[in-house]
N, C-alpha and C. Protein backbone atom coordinates (compact mmCIF):
# COMPACT_ATOMS: atom_id res chain seq x y z
N MET A 1 123.11 -254.64 -77.59
CA MET A 1 122.25 -253.93 -76.65
C MET A 1 122.79 -254.14 -75.23
N LYS A 2 122.87 -253.05 -74.48
CA LYS A 2 123.37 -253.10 -73.12
C LYS A 2 122.32 -253.69 -72.19
N PRO A 3 122.78 -254.37 -71.13
CA PRO A 3 121.82 -254.84 -70.12
C PRO A 3 121.11 -253.65 -69.46
N LYS A 4 119.96 -253.91 -68.90
CA LYS A 4 119.14 -252.86 -68.34
C LYS A 4 119.84 -252.09 -67.22
N TYR A 5 120.61 -252.79 -66.37
CA TYR A 5 121.26 -252.11 -65.24
C TYR A 5 122.37 -251.17 -65.72
N LEU A 6 122.99 -251.44 -66.87
CA LEU A 6 124.01 -250.54 -67.38
C LEU A 6 123.42 -249.33 -68.08
N ARG A 7 122.23 -249.45 -68.62
CA ARG A 7 121.59 -248.31 -69.26
C ARG A 7 121.16 -247.27 -68.25
N LEU A 8 120.94 -247.67 -67.00
CA LEU A 8 120.47 -246.74 -65.99
C LEU A 8 121.60 -245.89 -65.42
N ILE A 9 122.84 -246.39 -65.46
CA ILE A 9 123.97 -245.68 -64.88
C ILE A 9 124.81 -245.09 -66.01
N PRO A 10 124.90 -243.77 -66.09
CA PRO A 10 125.76 -243.17 -67.12
C PRO A 10 127.22 -243.57 -66.90
N SER A 11 127.95 -243.67 -67.97
CA SER A 11 129.32 -244.18 -67.88
C SER A 11 130.24 -243.25 -67.08
N LYS A 12 130.00 -241.94 -67.11
CA LYS A 12 130.84 -241.02 -66.33
C LYS A 12 130.69 -241.28 -64.83
N ILE A 13 129.49 -241.48 -64.38
CA ILE A 13 129.25 -241.73 -62.96
C ILE A 13 129.87 -243.06 -62.56
N LEU A 14 129.75 -244.06 -63.41
CA LEU A 14 130.34 -245.36 -63.13
C LEU A 14 131.86 -245.26 -63.06
N PHE A 15 132.47 -244.54 -63.97
CA PHE A 15 133.92 -244.37 -63.99
C PHE A 15 134.40 -243.64 -62.74
N HIS A 16 133.75 -242.55 -62.38
CA HIS A 16 134.15 -241.79 -61.19
C HIS A 16 133.96 -242.60 -59.91
N SER A 17 132.92 -243.38 -59.86
CA SER A 17 132.69 -244.23 -58.68
C SER A 17 133.80 -245.27 -58.54
N LEU A 18 134.21 -245.86 -59.64
CA LEU A 18 135.29 -246.84 -59.60
C LEU A 18 136.61 -246.20 -59.19
N VAL A 19 136.89 -245.00 -59.68
CA VAL A 19 138.12 -244.29 -59.32
C VAL A 19 138.13 -243.98 -57.83
N ILE A 20 137.03 -243.49 -57.30
CA ILE A 20 136.94 -243.17 -55.88
C ILE A 20 137.11 -244.44 -55.04
N LEU A 21 136.52 -245.53 -55.47
CA LEU A 21 136.64 -246.79 -54.75
C LEU A 21 138.09 -247.27 -54.74
N LEU A 22 138.77 -247.24 -55.87
CA LEU A 22 140.15 -247.69 -55.94
C LEU A 22 141.09 -246.81 -55.13
N VAL A 23 140.88 -245.50 -55.16
CA VAL A 23 141.73 -244.59 -54.40
C VAL A 23 141.52 -244.78 -52.90
N SER A 24 140.29 -244.95 -52.48
CA SER A 24 140.03 -245.12 -51.05
C SER A 24 140.55 -246.46 -50.54
N CYS A 25 140.58 -247.48 -51.37
CA CYS A 25 141.10 -248.78 -50.95
C CYS A 25 142.62 -248.82 -50.96
N SER A 26 143.27 -247.93 -51.68
CA SER A 26 144.72 -247.98 -51.79
C SER A 26 145.43 -247.34 -50.60
N TYR A 27 144.74 -246.64 -49.72
CA TYR A 27 145.39 -246.01 -48.57
C TYR A 27 145.99 -247.03 -47.62
N GLY A 28 145.44 -248.22 -47.53
CA GLY A 28 145.97 -249.25 -46.68
C GLY A 28 147.31 -249.80 -47.16
N LEU A 29 147.65 -249.58 -48.41
CA LEU A 29 148.90 -250.08 -48.95
C LEU A 29 150.11 -249.28 -48.48
N PHE A 30 149.88 -248.07 -47.99
CA PHE A 30 150.97 -247.19 -47.58
C PHE A 30 151.03 -247.10 -46.06
N ALA A 31 151.37 -248.21 -45.41
CA ALA A 31 151.42 -248.24 -43.95
C ALA A 31 152.65 -247.49 -43.45
N GLN A 32 152.53 -246.89 -42.29
CA GLN A 32 153.62 -246.13 -41.71
C GLN A 32 154.63 -247.01 -40.98
N ASP A 33 154.20 -248.14 -40.45
CA ASP A 33 155.11 -249.01 -39.72
C ASP A 33 155.42 -250.26 -40.55
N ALA A 34 156.68 -250.47 -40.82
CA ALA A 34 157.09 -251.60 -41.64
C ALA A 34 157.21 -252.86 -40.79
N VAL A 35 157.08 -254.00 -41.41
CA VAL A 35 157.17 -255.28 -40.73
C VAL A 35 158.34 -256.06 -41.32
N SER A 36 159.17 -256.61 -40.46
CA SER A 36 160.25 -257.48 -40.94
C SER A 36 160.03 -258.87 -40.38
N SER A 37 160.40 -259.87 -41.14
CA SER A 37 160.07 -261.24 -40.77
C SER A 37 160.99 -261.84 -39.72
N GLY A 38 162.24 -261.43 -39.64
CA GLY A 38 163.17 -262.03 -38.70
C GLY A 38 163.71 -263.34 -39.25
N ALA A 39 164.23 -264.19 -38.36
CA ALA A 39 164.82 -265.46 -38.77
C ALA A 39 163.77 -266.56 -38.73
N PHE A 40 163.79 -267.42 -39.74
CA PHE A 40 162.89 -268.57 -39.80
C PHE A 40 163.73 -269.81 -39.56
N ILE A 41 163.50 -270.48 -38.45
CA ILE A 41 164.31 -271.62 -38.04
C ILE A 41 163.50 -272.90 -38.22
N THR A 42 164.11 -273.88 -38.89
CA THR A 42 163.44 -275.17 -39.08
C THR A 42 164.23 -276.27 -38.39
N GLU A 43 163.50 -277.22 -37.83
CA GLU A 43 164.07 -278.39 -37.18
C GLU A 43 163.26 -279.60 -37.62
N PRO A 44 163.73 -280.79 -37.38
CA PRO A 44 162.95 -281.98 -37.76
C PRO A 44 161.61 -282.02 -37.00
N PRO A 45 160.51 -282.31 -37.67
CA PRO A 45 159.21 -282.35 -36.99
C PRO A 45 159.09 -283.57 -36.07
N THR A 46 158.26 -283.40 -35.02
CA THR A 46 157.95 -284.50 -34.10
C THR A 46 156.44 -284.69 -34.09
N LEU A 47 155.94 -285.56 -33.23
CA LEU A 47 154.50 -285.76 -33.14
C LEU A 47 153.79 -284.56 -32.51
N LEU A 48 154.49 -283.80 -31.69
CA LEU A 48 153.89 -282.66 -31.01
C LEU A 48 154.25 -281.31 -31.63
N ASN A 49 155.24 -281.28 -32.51
CA ASN A 49 155.76 -280.03 -33.01
C ASN A 49 156.06 -280.17 -34.50
N LEU A 50 155.72 -279.17 -35.29
CA LEU A 50 156.01 -279.21 -36.72
C LEU A 50 157.46 -278.86 -37.04
N GLY A 51 158.18 -278.27 -36.10
CA GLY A 51 159.61 -278.04 -36.27
C GLY A 51 159.99 -276.74 -36.93
N PHE A 52 159.23 -275.68 -36.73
CA PHE A 52 159.65 -274.38 -37.24
C PHE A 52 159.25 -273.29 -36.27
N GLU A 53 159.96 -272.18 -36.31
CA GLU A 53 159.66 -271.02 -35.46
C GLU A 53 160.23 -269.77 -36.10
N TRP A 54 159.64 -268.61 -35.77
CA TRP A 54 160.17 -267.32 -36.18
C TRP A 54 160.91 -266.73 -34.98
N LYS A 55 162.03 -266.16 -35.23
CA LYS A 55 162.75 -265.41 -34.21
C LYS A 55 162.69 -263.95 -34.61
N SER A 56 162.09 -263.12 -33.78
CA SER A 56 162.01 -261.69 -34.08
C SER A 56 163.30 -261.00 -33.67
N HIS A 57 163.52 -259.84 -34.22
CA HIS A 57 164.76 -259.09 -33.98
C HIS A 57 164.83 -258.58 -32.58
């Protein structure tokens, strides 16, 4: 026996709602501007500094 909340929502409506939700959330995955990490430089850590930095292009 299905739980009460699932009996109230027909499966077609639930399926279409999930598809719309997934499609609308996937637009952020296709960004127009790419990001590159650059150089990651490590040095011995000190008391004031952990000893790493990023150098951008």
